[in-house]
Amino acid sequence: MQVSAANAAQYTPRPAASSEAAAAIVDLTQLAVAQTNAKATAAAGAALSQATGELTGVLVNISA
């Protein structure tokens, strides 16, 4: 399918209201915080497993 520039519809984005823009920023911030918390939890779990394994004599190689 070919579309020529002459008959292509012009896209004009609707400007977001300030409250909508602020809500989007808050949503993205909350998402970033949630992702950071999930990564920190996973890292803490891996470190705890490593320490537990070393203390019980079961060596766990997490660097591979």
Protein backbone atom coordinates (compact mmCIF):
# COMPACT_ATOMS: atom_id res chain seq x y z
CA MET A 1 0.00 0.00 0.00
CA GLN A 2 1.34 3.38 -0.94
CA VAL A 3 0.35 6.68 0.60
CA SER A 4 1.31 9.88 -1.07
CA ALA A 5 2.05 13.02 0.89
CA ALA A 6 -0.72 14.83 -0.96
CA ASN A 7 -3.54 12.66 0.41
CA ALA A 8 -2.09 11.75 3.81
CA ALA A 9 -4.07 13.08 6.75
CA GLN A 10 -2.23 15.52 8.94
CA TYR A 11 -1.78 14.40 12.54
CA THR A 12 -2.13 17.11 15.10
CA PRO A 13 -1.62 15.87 18.63
CA ARG A 14 -3.99 17.16 21.25
CA PRO A 15 -2.09 19.13 23.89
CA ALA A 16 -2.36 17.43 27.26
CA ALA A 17 -3.85 19.34 30.12
CA SER A 18 -1.43 20.08 32.91
CA SER A 19 -3.18 17.64 35.25
CA GLU A 20 -2.93 14.87 32.65
CA ALA A 21 0.77 15.55 32.15
CA ALA A 22 1.38 15.57 35.89
CA ALA A 23 -0.52 12.30 36.29
CA ALA A 24 1.59 10.69 33.54
CA ILE A 25 4.81 11.82 35.23
CA VAL A 26 3.63 10.44 38.58
CA ASP A 27 2.68 7.14 36.95
CA LEU A 28 6.12 6.81 35.35
CA THR A 29 7.84 7.71 38.61
CA GLN A 30 5.83 5.09 40.49
CA LEU A 31 6.70 2.52 37.83
CA ALA A 32 10.41 3.34 38.09
CA VAL A 33 10.30 3.07 41.88
CA ALA A 34 8.47 -0.26 41.69
CA GLN A 35 11.05 -1.63 39.23
CA THR A 36 13.92 -0.44 41.42
CA ASN A 37 12.34 -2.05 44.47
CA ALA A 38 11.87 -5.33 42.62
CA LYS A 39 15.51 -5.34 41.48
CA ALA A 40 16.71 -4.53 45.00
CA THR A 41 14.60 -7.34 46.43
CA ALA A 42 15.98 -9.81 43.90
CA ALA A 43 19.55 -8.71 44.62
CA ALA A 44 19.02 -8.99 48.37
CA GLY A 45 17.56 -12.47 47.92
CA ALA A 46 20.53 -13.56 45.83
CA ALA A 47 22.99 -12.19 48.38
CA LEU A 48 21.15 -13.89 51.23
CA SER A 49 21.14 -17.19 49.35
CA GLN A 50 24.85 -16.85 48.67
CA ALA A 51 25.67 -16.12 52.31
CA THR A 52 23.43 -18.93 53.53
CA GLY A 53 25.01 -21.36 51.09
CA GLU A 54 28.52 -20.41 52.14
CA LEU A 55 27.66 -20.71 55.84
CA THR A 56 26.11 -24.14 55.37
CA GLY A 57 28.99 -25.37 53.24
CA VAL A 58 27.11 -25.33 49.93
CA LEU A 59 28.96 -23.00 47.63
CA VAL A 60 26.69 -21.21 45.17
CA ASN A 61 28.32 -19.43 42.26
CA ILE A 62 26.10 -16.47 41.35
CA SER A 63 28.66 -14.81 39.05
CA ALA A 64 28.03 -17.24 36.18
